[in-house]
Amino acid sequence: MEFTDPYVIYTTNDPTEANLIKNLLADNGIKCFLSGIDQPLGGGFIANPIEVVVEAGHADQAAKLIREHASDK
């Protein structure tokens, strides 16, 4: 997926949390992707840090959804 104006809306070291945020945004019609997940490093893999990336034009809406999700915990 290629974005013309990518914006990192969220960063985490937890792959499960990153996928939850990605699914939350996708379920609300916001296209996003994860950057940095399972990147090879030497002989193994790392998953830190993981960035959730959206189009800059959707950043405010995405941030609001993430805040609401965090307050529900």
PDB file of N, CA and C in Angstrom:
ATOM      1  N   MET A   1       0.854  -1.167   0.000  1.00  0.00           N
ATOM      2  CA  MET A   1       0.000   0.000   0.000  1.00  0.00           C
ATOM      3  C   MET A   1       0.899   1.228   0.000  1.00  0.00           C
ATOM      4  N   GLU A   2       0.677   2.130  -0.944  1.00  0.00           N
ATOM      5  CA  GLU A   2       1.496   3.327  -1.026  1.00  0.00           C
ATOM      6  C   GLU A   2       0.649   4.543  -0.705  1.00  0.00           C
ATOM      7  N   PHE A   3       1.154   5.371   0.181  1.00  0.00           N
ATOM      8  CA  PHE A   3       0.462   6.598   0.558  1.00  0.00           C
ATOM      9  C   PHE A   3       1.220   7.777  -0.039  1.00  0.00           C
ATOM     10  N   THR A   4       0.486   8.800  -0.454  1.00  0.00           N
ATOM     11  CA  THR A   4       1.149   9.984  -0.990  1.00  0.00           C
ATOM     12  C   THR A   4       1.663  10.891   0.121  1.00  0.00           C
ATOM     13  N   ASP A   5       1.041  10.836   1.281  1.00  0.00           N
ATOM     14  CA  ASP A   5       1.437  11.682   2.404  1.00  0.00           C
ATOM     15  C   ASP A   5       1.370  10.869   3.703  1.00  0.00           C
ATOM     16  N   PRO A   6       2.299   9.909   3.888  1.00  0.00           N
ATOM     17  CA  PRO A   6       2.244   9.041   5.071  1.00  0.00           C
ATOM     18  C   PRO A   6       2.539   9.814   6.357  1.00  0.00           C
ATOM     19  N   TYR A   7       1.870   9.395   7.417  1.00  0.00           N
ATOM     20  CA  TYR A   7       2.025  10.029   8.724  1.00  0.00           C
ATOM     21  C   TYR A   7       2.040   8.940   9.788  1.00  0.00           C
ATOM     22  N   VAL A   8       3.075   8.925  10.615  1.00  0.00           N
ATOM     23  CA  VAL A   8       3.156   7.957  11.711  1.00  0.00           C
ATOM     24  C   VAL A   8       2.251   8.451  12.833  1.00  0.00           C
ATOM     25  N   ILE A   9       1.183   7.710  13.083  1.00  0.00           N
ATOM     26  CA  ILE A   9       0.189   8.113  14.069  1.00  0.00           C
ATOM     27  C   ILE A   9       0.410   7.446  15.419  1.00  0.00           C
ATOM     28  N   TYR A  10       1.139   6.333  15.420  1.00  0.00           N
ATOM     29  CA  TYR A  10       1.305   5.586  16.671  1.00  0.00           C
ATOM     30  C   TYR A  10       2.559   4.724  16.564  1.00  0.00           C
ATOM     31  N   THR A  11       3.286   4.641  17.651  1.00  0.00           N
ATOM     32  CA  THR A  11       4.489   3.802  17.702  1.00  0.00           C
ATOM     33  C   THR A  11       4.428   2.947  18.958  1.00  0.00           C
ATOM     34  N   THR A  12       4.775   1.677  18.804  1.00  0.00           N
ATOM     35  CA  THR A  12       4.765   0.742  19.926  1.00  0.00           C
ATOM     36  C   THR A  12       5.849  -0.310  19.717  1.00  0.00           C
ATOM     37  N   ASN A  13       6.203  -0.991  20.767  1.00  0.00           N
ATOM     38  CA  ASN A  13       7.124  -2.127  20.678  1.00  0.00           C
ATOM     39  C   ASN A  13       6.374  -3.453  20.703  1.00  0.00           C
ATOM     40  N   ASP A  14       5.053  -3.389  20.818  1.00  0.00           N
ATOM     41  CA  ASP A  14       4.216  -4.574  20.980  1.00  0.00           C
ATOM     42  C   ASP A  14       3.477  -4.887  19.668  1.00  0.00           C
ATOM     43  N   PRO A  15       3.841  -5.987  18.988  1.00  0.00           N
ATOM     44  CA  PRO A  15       3.184  -6.318  17.727  1.00  0.00           C
ATOM     45  C   PRO A  15       1.674  -6.538  17.865  1.00  0.00           C
ATOM     46  N   THR A  16       1.238  -7.086  18.985  1.00  0.00           N
ATOM     47  CA  THR A  16      -0.197  -7.306  19.195  1.00  0.00           C
ATOM     48  C   THR A  16      -0.930  -5.972  19.279  1.00  0.00           C
ATOM     49  N   GLU A  17      -0.380  -5.037  20.032  1.00  0.00           N
ATOM     50  CA  GLU A  17      -0.985  -3.710  20.150  1.00  0.00           C
ATOM     51  C   GLU A  17      -1.021  -3.013  18.787  1.00  0.00           C
ATOM     52  N   ALA A  18       0.056  -3.114  18.033  1.00  0.00           N
ATOM     53  CA  ALA A  18       0.102  -2.496  16.704  1.00  0.00           C
ATOM     54  C   ALA A  18      -0.985  -3.053  15.806  1.00  0.00           C
ATOM     55  N   ASN A  19      -1.179  -4.348  15.830  1.00  0.00           N
ATOM     56  CA  ASN A  19      -2.221  -4.967  15.005  1.00  0.00           C
ATOM     57  C   ASN A  19      -3.613  -4.594  15.482  1.00  0.00           C
ATOM     58  N   LEU A  20      -3.810  -4.461  16.789  1.00  0.00           N
ATOM     59  CA  LEU A  20      -5.109  -4.019  17.313  1.00  0.00           C
ATOM     60  C   LEU A  20      -5.433  -2.610  16.820  1.00  0.00           C
ATOM     61  N   ILE A  21      -4.453  -1.721  16.877  1.00  0.00           N
ATOM     62  CA  ILE A  21      -4.649  -0.346  16.406  1.00  0.00           C
ATOM     63  C   ILE A  21      -4.928  -0.349  14.904  1.00  0.00           C
ATOM     64  N   LYS A  22      -4.158  -1.131  14.159  1.00  0.00           N
ATOM     65  CA  LYS A  22      -4.358  -1.222  12.710  1.00  0.00           C
ATOM     66  C   LYS A  22      -5.784  -1.686  12.400  1.00  0.00           C
ATOM     67  N   ASN A  23      -6.247  -2.720  13.088  1.00  0.00           N
ATOM     68  CA  ASN A  23      -7.601  -3.241  12.870  1.00  0.00           C
ATOM     69  C   ASN A  23      -8.668  -2.228  13.279  1.00  0.00           C
ATOM     70  N   LEU A  24      -8.446  -1.523  14.388  1.00  0.00           N
ATOM     71  CA  LEU A  24      -9.372  -0.487  14.837  1.00  0.00           C
ATOM     72  C   LEU A  24      -9.537   0.573  13.752  1.00  0.00           C
ATOM     73  N   LEU A  25      -8.424   1.032  13.213  1.00  0.00           N
ATOM     74  CA  LEU A  25      -8.481   2.063  12.181  1.00  0.00           C
ATOM     75  C   LEU A  25      -9.147   1.536  10.919  1.00  0.00           C
ATOM     76  N   ALA A  26      -8.759   0.339  10.495  1.00  0.00           N
ATOM     77  CA  ALA A  26      -9.341  -0.254   9.284  1.00  0.00           C
ATOM     78  C   ALA A  26     -10.844  -0.456   9.444  1.00  0.00           C
ATOM     79  N   ASP A  27     -11.279  -0.890  10.621  1.00  0.00           N
ATOM     80  CA  ASP A  27     -12.705  -1.101  10.874  1.00  0.00           C
ATOM     81  C   ASP A  27     -13.495   0.205  10.804  1.00  0.00           C
ATOM     82  N   ASN A  28     -12.779   1.316  10.963  1.00  0.00           N
ATOM     83  CA  ASN A  28     -13.419   2.630  10.898  1.00  0.00           C
ATOM     84  C   ASN A  28     -13.124   3.348   9.584  1.00  0.00           C
ATOM     85  N   GLY A  29     -12.690   2.586   8.590  1.00  0.00           N
ATOM     86  CA  GLY A  29     -12.511   3.123   7.246  1.00  0.00           C
ATOM     87  C   GLY A  29     -11.237   3.903   7.009  1.00  0.00           C
ATOM     88  N   ILE A  30     -10.262   3.779   7.905  1.00  0.00           N
ATOM     89  CA  ILE A  30      -9.000   4.495   7.737  1.00  0.00           C
ATOM     90  C   ILE A  30      -7.940   3.512   7.263  1.00  0.00           C
ATOM     91  N   LYS A  31      -7.430   3.744   6.060  1.00  0.00           N
ATOM     92  CA  LYS A  31      -6.378   2.888   5.523  1.00  0.00           C
ATOM     93  C   LYS A  31      -5.089   3.145   6.293  1.00  0.00           C
ATOM     94  N   CYS A  32      -4.410   2.069   6.632  1.00  0.00           N
ATOM     95  CA  CYS A  32      -3.168   2.195   7.378  1.00  0.00           C
ATOM     96  C   CYS A  32      -2.301   0.977   7.105  1.00  0.00           C
ATOM     97  N   PHE A  33      -1.039   1.087   7.499  1.00  0.00           N
ATOM     98  CA  PHE A  33      -0.146  -0.059   7.426  1.00  0.00           C
ATOM     99  C   PHE A  33       0.837   0.019   8.577  1.00  0.00           C
ATOM    100  N   LEU A  34       1.483  -1.106   8.846  1.00  0.00           N
ATOM    101  CA  LEU A  34       2.486  -1.190   9.903  1.00  0.00           C
ATOM    102  C   LEU A  34       3.862  -1.164   9.279  1.00  0.00           C
ATOM    103  N   SER A  35       4.724  -0.358   9.843  1.00  0.00           N
ATOM    104  CA  SER A  35       6.102  -0.264   9.384  1.00  0.00           C
ATOM    105  C   SER A  35       7.014  -0.741  10.508  1.00  0.00           C
ATOM    106  N   GLY A  36       7.958  -1.600  10.172  1.00  0.00           N
ATOM    107  CA  GLY A  36       8.931  -2.055  11.154  1.00  0.00           C
ATOM    108  C   GLY A  36       8.584  -3.356  11.825  1.00  0.00           C
ATOM    109  N   ILE A  37       7.480  -3.968  11.458  1.00  0.00           N
ATOM    110  CA  ILE A  37       7.108  -5.227  12.099  1.00  0.00           C
ATOM    111  C   ILE A  37       7.868  -6.375  11.438  1.00  0.00           C
ATOM    112  N   ASP A  38       8.457  -7.229  12.262  1.00  0.00           N
ATOM    113  CA  ASP A  38       9.196  -8.406  11.806  1.00  0.00           C
ATOM    114  C   ASP A  38      10.280  -8.071  10.783  1.00  0.00           C
ATOM    115  N   GLN A  39      11.045  -7.049  11.085  1.00  0.00           N
ATOM    116  CA  GLN A  39      12.151  -6.689  10.208  1.00  0.00           C
ATOM    117  C   GLN A  39      13.347  -7.577  10.519  1.00  0.00           C
ATOM    118  N   PRO A  40      13.978  -8.136   9.490  1.00  0.00           N
ATOM    119  CA  PRO A  40      15.141  -8.987   9.744  1.00  0.00           C
ATOM    120  C   PRO A  40      16.316  -8.175  10.278  1.00  0.00           C
ATOM    121  N   LEU A  41      17.034  -8.769  11.207  1.00  0.00           N
ATOM    122  CA  LEU A  41      18.236  -8.141  11.749  1.00  0.00           C
ATOM    123  C   LEU A  41      19.236  -9.250  12.019  1.00  0.00           C
ATOM    124  N   GLY A  42      20.256  -9.328  11.212  1.00  0.00           N
ATOM    125  CA  GLY A  42      21.244 -10.381  11.390  1.00  0.00           C
ATOM    126  C   GLY A  42      20.602 -11.742  11.216  1.00  0.00           C
ATOM    127  N   GLY A  43      20.756 -12.608  12.213  1.00  0.00           N
ATOM    128  CA  GLY A  43      20.247 -13.965  12.122  1.00  0.00           C
ATOM    129  C   GLY A  43      18.830 -14.142  12.608  1.00  0.00           C
ATOM    130  N   GLY A  44      18.217 -13.061  13.139  1.00  0.00           N
ATOM    131  CA  GLY A  44      16.870 -13.212  13.692  1.00  0.00           C
ATOM    132  C   GLY A  44      15.949 -12.117  13.229  1.00  0.00           C
ATOM    133  N   PHE A  45      14.852 -11.974  13.954  1.00  0.00           N
ATOM    134  CA  PHE A  45      13.870 -10.957  13.617  1.00  0.00           C
ATOM    135  C   PHE A  45      13.625 -10.083  14.830  1.00  0.00           C
ATOM    136  N   ILE A  46      13.299  -8.829  14.570  1.00  0.00           N
ATOM    137  CA  ILE A  46      12.905  -7.917  15.634  1.00  0.00           C
ATOM    138  C   ILE A  46      11.555  -7.318  15.275  1.00  0.00           C
ATOM    139  N   ALA A  47      10.861  -6.800  16.256  1.00  0.00           N
ATOM    140  CA  ALA A  47       9.570  -6.169  15.994  1.00  0.00           C
ATOM    141  C   ALA A  47       9.503  -4.801  16.658  1.00  0.00           C
ATOM    142  N   ASN A  48      10.658  -4.164  16.886  1.00  0.00           N
ATOM    143  CA  ASN A  48      10.676  -2.890  17.605  1.00  0.00           C
ATOM    144  C   ASN A  48      11.435  -1.848  16.816  1.00  0.00           C
ATOM    145  N   PRO A  49      11.024  -0.625  16.777  1.00  0.00           N
ATOM    146  CA  PRO A  49       9.666  -0.171  17.058  1.00  0.00           C
ATOM    147  C   PRO A  49       8.759  -0.425  15.866  1.00  0.00           C
ATOM    148  N   ILE A  50       7.495  -0.489  16.119  1.00  0.00           N
ATOM    149  CA  ILE A  50       6.496  -0.684  15.070  1.00  0.00           C
ATOM    150  C   ILE A  50       5.705   0.620  14.950  1.00  0.00           C
ATOM    151  N   GLU A  51       5.597   1.110  13.736  1.00  0.00           N
ATOM    152  CA  GLU A  51       4.868   2.345  13.490  1.00  0.00           C
ATOM    153  C   GLU A  51       3.566   2.048  12.765  1.00  0.00           C
ATOM    154  N   VAL A  52       2.490   2.669  13.230  1.00  0.00           N
ATOM    155  CA  VAL A  52       1.208   2.612  12.541  1.00  0.00           C
ATOM    156  C   VAL A  52       1.142   3.873  11.679  1.00  0.00           C
ATOM    157  N   VAL A  53       1.020   3.673  10.368  1.00  0.00           N
ATOM    158  CA  VAL A  53       1.091   4.775   9.414  1.00  0.00           C
ATOM    159  C   VAL A  53      -0.256   4.960   8.720  1.00  0.00           C
ATOM    160  N   VAL A  54      -0.712   6.223   8.666  1.00  0.00           N
ATOM    161  CA  VAL A  54      -1.950   6.585   7.978  1.00  0.00           C
ATOM    162  C   VAL A  54      -1.639   7.710   7.003  1.00  0.00           C
ATOM    163  N   GLU A  55      -2.603   8.023   6.128  1.00  0.00           N
ATOM    164  CA  GLU A  55      -2.495   9.228   5.296  1.00  0.00           C
ATOM    165  C   GLU A  55      -2.621  10.437   6.225  1.00  0.00           C
ATOM    166  N   ALA A  56      -1.818  11.460   5.999  1.00  0.00           N
ATOM    167  CA  ALA A  56      -1.816  12.637   6.864  1.00  0.00           C
ATOM    168  C   ALA A  56      -3.211  13.253   6.994  1.00  0.00           C
ATOM    169  N   GLY A  57      -3.998  13.200   5.937  1.00  0.00           N
ATOM    170  CA  GLY A  57      -5.343  13.768   5.974  1.00  0.00           C
ATOM    171  C   GLY A  57      -6.284  13.054   6.925  1.00  0.00           C
ATOM    172  N   HIS A  58      -5.935  11.856   7.356  1.00  0.00           N
ATOM    173  CA  HIS A  58      -6.764  11.082   8.285  1.00  0.00           C
ATOM    174  C   HIS A  58      -6.164  11.040   9.694  1.00  0.00           C
ATOM    175  N   ALA A  59      -5.092  11.782   9.910  1.00  0.00           N
ATOM    176  CA  ALA A  59      -4.376  11.721  11.189  1.00  0.00           C
ATOM    177  C   ALA A  59      -5.247  12.139  12.369  1.00  0.00           C
ATOM    178  N   ASP A  60      -6.008  13.228  12.229  1.00  0.00           N
ATOM    179  CA  ASP A  60      -6.838  13.685  13.347  1.00  0.00           C
ATOM    180  C   ASP A  60      -7.891  12.651  13.724  1.00  0.00           C
ATOM    181  N   GLN A  61      -8.558  12.105  12.720  1.00  0.00           N
ATOM    182  CA  GLN A  61      -9.586  11.087  12.967  1.00  0.00           C
ATOM    183  C   GLN A  61      -8.957   9.837  13.586  1.00  0.00           C
ATOM    184  N   ALA A  62      -7.803   9.423  13.072  1.00  0.00           N
ATOM    185  CA  ALA A  62      -7.119   8.240  13.604  1.00  0.00           C
ATOM    186  C   ALA A  62      -6.698   8.461  15.051  1.00  0.00           C
ATOM    187  N   ALA A  63      -6.139   9.632  15.340  1.00  0.00           N
ATOM    188  CA  ALA A  63      -5.702   9.939  16.710  1.00  0.00           C
ATOM    189  C   ALA A  63      -6.882   9.906  17.671  1.00  0.00           C
ATOM    190  N   LYS A  64      -8.017  10.420  17.240  1.00  0.00           N
ATOM    191  CA  LYS A  64      -9.215  10.412  18.088  1.00  0.00           C
ATOM    192  C   LYS A  64      -9.657   8.980  18.391  1.00  0.00           C
ATOM    193  N   LEU A  65      -9.668   8.130  17.374  1.00  0.00           N
ATOM    194  CA  LEU A  65     -10.045   6.725  17.583  1.00  0.00           C
ATOM    195  C   LEU A  65      -9.085   6.026  18.529  1.00  0.00           C
ATOM    196  N   ILE A  66      -7.798   6.288  18.378  1.00  0.00           N
ATOM    197  CA  ILE A  66      -6.800   5.656  19.250  1.00  0.00           C
ATOM    198  C   ILE A  66      -6.979   6.133  20.681  1.00  0.00           C
ATOM    199  N   ARG A  67      -7.222   7.434  20.879  1.00  0.00           N
ATOM    200  CA  ARG A  67      -7.453   7.956  22.241  1.00  0.00           C
ATOM    201  C   ARG A  67      -8.689   7.317  22.868  1.00  0.00           C
ATOM    202  N   GLU A  68      -9.768   7.205  22.072  1.00  0.00           N
ATOM    203  CA  GLU A  68     -10.998   6.591  22.593  1.00  0.00           C
ATOM    204  C   GLU A  68     -10.759   5.133  22.955  1.00  0.00           C
ATOM    205  N   HIS A  69     -10.004   4.441  22.140  1.00  0.00           N
ATOM    206  CA  HIS A  69      -9.686   3.040  22.406  1.00  0.00           C
ATOM    207  C   HIS A  69      -8.868   2.920  23.693  1.00  0.00           C
ATOM    208  N   ALA A  70      -7.906   3.805  23.877  1.00  0.00           N
ATOM    209  CA  ALA A  70      -7.054   3.768  25.073  1.00  0.00           C
ATOM    210  C   ALA A  70      -7.869   4.072  26.333  1.00  0.00           C
ATOM    211  N   SER A  71      -8.842   4.961  26.221  1.00  0.00           N
ATOM    212  CA  SER A  71      -9.650   5.296  27.404  1.00  0.00           C
ATOM    213  C   SER A  71     -10.634   4.196  27.760  1.00  0.00           C
ATOM    214  N   ASP A  72     -10.916   3.290  26.817  1.00  0.00           N
ATOM    215  CA  ASP A  72     -11.818   2.174  27.083  1.00  0.00           C
ATOM    216  C   ASP A  72     -11.142   1.045  27.843  1.00  0.00           C
ATOM    217  N   LYS A  73      -9.841   1.078  27.947  1.00  0.00           N
ATOM    218  CA  LYS A  73      -9.103  -0.019  28.615  1.00  0.00           C
ATOM    219  C   LYS A  73      -9.235   0.062  30.108  1.00  0.00           C
TER     220      LYS A  73
END
